[in-house]
Amino acid sequence: MRFQVSRQLLDRQLVDVEGRLVGKVDDVEFGLDDDGVPYVRTLLVGPGALGDRVGGRLGRLLVLAAERFVTDRPLAAVRIPFELVERVDSAVRLRARADELPPSPVEEWLRRNLIERIPGAGRAGG
């Protein structure tokens, strides 16, 4: 599959196999095959990846703000192996369900510190 990373991957919505929005592609990680040809190895998602991509003071500020106000711990990017990509069109469509993907530190924090404190939230969705 050939594509332009900056035009067809970065900032695209990630959609799981059931049509649920998972996040958006904030950055990518490349690998080299046996012939030295670069390929997209991993999609990187989350404030940690976006901050690294933006770079400089603004990028550091994005990461620090998310760490301080959301998680109180260092934010690593969520890493989604490119093998899980089914196709790339108006969105990046995955061949996996959202619950099969690595968890987002931001979503875990929100669930633990906000959603679970809402009365009746434990019965939602099940």
C-alpha atoms as a PDB file:
ATOM      1  CA  MET A   1       0.000   0.000   0.000  1.00  0.00           C
ATOM      2  CA  ARG A   2       1.510   3.341  -1.063  1.00  0.00           C
ATOM      3  CA  PHE A   3       0.395   6.711   0.270  1.00  0.00           C
ATOM      4  CA  GLN A   4       1.631  10.086   1.396  1.00  0.00           C
ATOM      5  CA  VAL A   5       1.929   9.977   5.168  1.00  0.00           C
ATOM      6  CA  SER A   6       1.335  13.697   5.744  1.00  0.00           C
ATOM      7  CA  ARG A   7      -1.716  13.850   3.452  1.00  0.00           C
ATOM      8  CA  GLN A   8      -3.350  10.473   3.936  1.00  0.00           C
ATOM      9  CA  LEU A   9      -2.440   9.326   7.460  1.00  0.00           C
ATOM     10  CA  LEU A  10      -1.611  12.151   9.854  1.00  0.00           C
ATOM     11  CA  ASP A  11      -4.602  13.710  11.614  1.00  0.00           C
ATOM     12  CA  ARG A  12      -7.024  11.122  10.168  1.00  0.00           C
ATOM     13  CA  GLN A  13      -9.658   9.576  12.394  1.00  0.00           C
ATOM     14  CA  LEU A  14      -9.047   5.983  13.464  1.00  0.00           C
ATOM     15  CA  VAL A  15     -12.139   3.791  13.133  1.00  0.00           C
ATOM     16  CA  ASP A  16     -12.358   0.284  14.540  1.00  0.00           C
ATOM     17  CA  VAL A  17     -13.847  -2.704  12.722  1.00  0.00           C
ATOM     18  CA  GLU A  18     -17.270  -1.936  14.244  1.00  0.00           C
ATOM     19  CA  GLY A  19     -17.255   1.692  13.054  1.00  0.00           C
ATOM     20  CA  ARG A  20     -16.399   3.251  16.436  1.00  0.00           C
ATOM     21  CA  LEU A  21     -14.045   6.206  16.577  1.00  0.00           C
ATOM     22  CA  VAL A  22     -10.828   5.263  18.362  1.00  0.00           C
ATOM     23  CA  GLY A  23      -8.829   8.497  18.119  1.00  0.00           C
ATOM     24  CA  LYS A  24      -6.737  10.085  15.431  1.00  0.00           C
ATOM     25  CA  VAL A  25      -3.304   9.469  13.993  1.00  0.00           C
ATOM     26  CA  ASP A  26      -0.983  11.971  15.684  1.00  0.00           C
ATOM     27  CA  ASP A  27       2.306  10.612  14.346  1.00  0.00           C
ATOM     28  CA  VAL A  28       3.853   7.511  12.785  1.00  0.00           C
ATOM     29  CA  GLU A  29       6.929   5.421  13.407  1.00  0.00           C
ATOM     30  CA  PHE A  30       8.925   4.083  10.475  1.00  0.00           C
ATOM     31  CA  GLY A  31      10.893   0.890  10.126  1.00  0.00           C
ATOM     32  CA  LEU A  32      13.295  -0.326   7.437  1.00  0.00           C
ATOM     33  CA  ASP A  33      12.794  -3.588   5.570  1.00  0.00           C
ATOM     34  CA  ASP A  34      15.654  -5.935   4.655  1.00  0.00           C
ATOM     35  CA  ASP A  35      16.428  -3.846   1.551  1.00  0.00           C
ATOM     36  CA  GLY A  36      16.564  -0.595   3.515  1.00  0.00           C
ATOM     37  CA  VAL A  37      13.209   0.632   2.207  1.00  0.00           C
ATOM     38  CA  PRO A  38      11.233   2.603   4.814  1.00  0.00           C
ATOM     39  CA  TYR A  39       7.708   1.550   5.758  1.00  0.00           C
ATOM     40  CA  VAL A  40       5.155   2.676   8.351  1.00  0.00           C
ATOM     41  CA  ARG A  41       5.571   0.351  11.323  1.00  0.00           C
ATOM     42  CA  THR A  42       3.336   1.943  13.954  1.00  0.00           C
ATOM     43  CA  LEU A  43       0.599   4.566  14.262  1.00  0.00           C
ATOM     44  CA  LEU A  44       1.115   6.801  17.290  1.00  0.00           C
ATOM     45  CA  VAL A  45      -1.936   8.253  19.036  1.00  0.00           C
ATOM     46  CA  GLY A  46      -2.391  10.702  21.900  1.00  0.00           C
ATOM     47  CA  PRO A  47      -0.998  13.911  23.378  1.00  0.00           C
ATOM     48  CA  GLY A  48       2.467  12.412  23.849  1.00  0.00           C
ATOM     49  CA  ALA A  49       2.749  11.639  20.138  1.00  0.00           C
ATOM     50  CA  LEU A  50       1.236  14.946  19.062  1.00  0.00           C
ATOM     51  CA  GLY A  51       3.566  16.920  21.333  1.00  0.00           C
ATOM     52  CA  ASP A  52       6.591  15.150  19.883  1.00  0.00           C
ATOM     53  CA  ARG A  53       5.363  15.808  16.348  1.00  0.00           C
ATOM     54  CA  VAL A  54       4.713  19.506  16.985  1.00  0.00           C
ATOM     55  CA  GLY A  55       8.064  19.817  18.739  1.00  0.00           C
ATOM     56  CA  GLY A  56       9.653  22.822  20.394  1.00  0.00           C
ATOM     57  CA  ARG A  57       8.082  24.715  23.267  1.00  0.00           C
ATOM     58  CA  LEU A  58       4.520  24.275  22.023  1.00  0.00           C
ATOM     59  CA  GLY A  59       4.947  20.505  21.788  1.00  0.00           C
ATOM     60  CA  ARG A  60       6.424  20.297  25.287  1.00  0.00           C
ATOM     61  CA  LEU A  61       3.580  22.485  26.578  1.00  0.00           C
ATOM     62  CA  LEU A  62       0.967  20.139  25.075  1.00  0.00           C
ATOM     63  CA  VAL A  63       2.536  17.126  26.739  1.00  0.00           C
ATOM     64  CA  LEU A  64       3.097  18.860  30.088  1.00  0.00           C
ATOM     65  CA  ALA A  65      -0.487  20.165  30.167  1.00  0.00           C
ATOM     66  CA  ALA A  66      -1.905  16.717  29.491  1.00  0.00           C
ATOM     67  CA  GLU A  67       0.381  15.103  32.074  1.00  0.00           C
ATOM     68  CA  ARG A  68      -0.361  17.697  34.743  1.00  0.00           C
ATOM     69  CA  PHE A  69      -4.083  18.181  34.292  1.00  0.00           C
ATOM     70  CA  VAL A  70      -5.133  14.761  33.115  1.00  0.00           C
ATOM     71  CA  THR A  71      -2.873  11.929  34.179  1.00  0.00           C
ATOM     72  CA  ASP A  72      -0.249  13.128  36.697  1.00  0.00           C
ATOM     73  CA  ARG A  73       2.236  10.753  35.029  1.00  0.00           C
ATOM     74  CA  PRO A  74       4.374  10.721  31.891  1.00  0.00           C
ATOM     75  CA  LEU A  75       2.315  10.231  28.754  1.00  0.00           C
ATOM     76  CA  ALA A  76       3.504   7.686  26.268  1.00  0.00           C
ATOM     77  CA  ALA A  77       1.881   7.507  22.866  1.00  0.00           C
ATOM     78  CA  VAL A  78      -0.571   4.703  22.248  1.00  0.00           C
ATOM     79  CA  ARG A  79       1.115   2.477  19.675  1.00  0.00           C
ATOM     80  CA  ILE A  80      -1.044   0.724  17.079  1.00  0.00           C
ATOM     81  CA  PRO A  81       0.815  -1.695  14.789  1.00  0.00           C
ATOM     82  CA  PHE A  82       0.268  -0.817  11.138  1.00  0.00           C
ATOM     83  CA  GLU A  83      -0.652  -4.457  10.450  1.00  0.00           C
ATOM     84  CA  LEU A  84      -4.009  -3.642  12.097  1.00  0.00           C
ATOM     85  CA  VAL A  85      -4.865  -1.155   9.307  1.00  0.00           C
ATOM     86  CA  GLU A  86      -7.483  -2.546   6.926  1.00  0.00           C
ATOM     87  CA  ARG A  87      -7.547   0.457   4.583  1.00  0.00           C
ATOM     88  CA  VAL A  88      -6.913   4.181   4.408  1.00  0.00           C
ATOM     89  CA  ASP A  89      -9.590   6.427   2.892  1.00  0.00           C
ATOM     90  CA  SER A  90     -11.316   9.390   4.546  1.00  0.00           C
ATOM     91  CA  ALA A  91     -10.363   7.644   7.805  1.00  0.00           C
ATOM     92  CA  VAL A  92      -7.875   4.997   8.851  1.00  0.00           C
ATOM     93  CA  ARG A  93      -9.974   1.854   9.160  1.00  0.00           C
ATOM     94  CA  LEU A  94      -8.707  -0.852  11.490  1.00  0.00           C
ATOM     95  CA  ARG A  95      -9.305  -4.606  11.403  1.00  0.00           C
ATOM     96  CA  ALA A  96      -9.565  -4.768  15.223  1.00  0.00           C
ATOM     97  CA  ARG A  97     -12.157  -3.722  17.806  1.00  0.00           C
ATOM     98  CA  ALA A  98     -11.431  -0.740  20.048  1.00  0.00           C
ATOM     99  CA  ASP A  99     -11.219  -2.956  23.145  1.00  0.00           C
ATOM    100  CA  GLU A 100      -8.460  -5.010  21.464  1.00  0.00           C
ATOM    101  CA  LEU A 101      -6.213  -1.947  21.075  1.00  0.00           C
ATOM    102  CA  PRO A 102      -3.740  -0.663  23.667  1.00  0.00           C
ATOM    103  CA  PRO A 103      -5.545   1.557  26.205  1.00  0.00           C
ATOM    104  CA  SER A 104      -5.128   5.328  26.115  1.00  0.00           C
ATOM    105  CA  PRO A 105      -3.683   6.756  29.378  1.00  0.00           C
ATOM    106  CA  VAL A 106      -5.978   9.785  29.024  1.00  0.00           C
ATOM    107  CA  GLU A 107      -9.084   7.624  28.571  1.00  0.00           C
ATOM    108  CA  GLU A 108      -8.093   5.422  31.509  1.00  0.00           C
ATOM    109  CA  TRP A 109      -7.705   8.505  33.720  1.00  0.00           C
ATOM    110  CA  LEU A 110     -11.065   9.941  32.582  1.00  0.00           C
ATOM    111  CA  ARG A 111     -12.821   6.623  33.198  1.00  0.00           C
ATOM    112  CA  ARG A 112     -11.263   6.184  36.641  1.00  0.00           C
ATOM    113  CA  ASN A 113     -11.562   9.780  37.880  1.00  0.00           C
ATOM    114  CA  LEU A 114     -14.666  11.081  36.159  1.00  0.00           C
ATOM    115  CA  ILE A 115     -16.940   8.535  34.520  1.00  0.00           C
ATOM    116  CA  GLU A 116     -16.847   5.935  37.323  1.00  0.00           C
ATOM    117  CA  ARG A 117     -17.885   8.647  39.811  1.00  0.00           C
ATOM    118  CA  ILE A 118     -21.140   9.343  37.953  1.00  0.00           C
ATOM    119  CA  PRO A 119     -24.021   7.599  39.746  1.00  0.00           C
ATOM    120  CA  GLY A 120     -25.162   4.584  37.715  1.00  0.00           C
ATOM    121  CA  ALA A 121     -22.146   4.672  35.370  1.00  0.00           C
ATOM    122  CA  GLY A 122     -21.187   1.130  36.362  1.00  0.00           C
ATOM    123  CA  ARG A 123     -24.387  -0.173  34.768  1.00  0.00           C
ATOM    124  CA  ALA A 124     -23.937   1.739  31.488  1.00  0.00           C
ATOM    125  CA  GLY A 125     -23.210  -0.159  28.312  1.00  0.00           C
ATOM    126  CA  GLY A 126     -23.703  -3.585  29.762  1.00  0.00           C
END
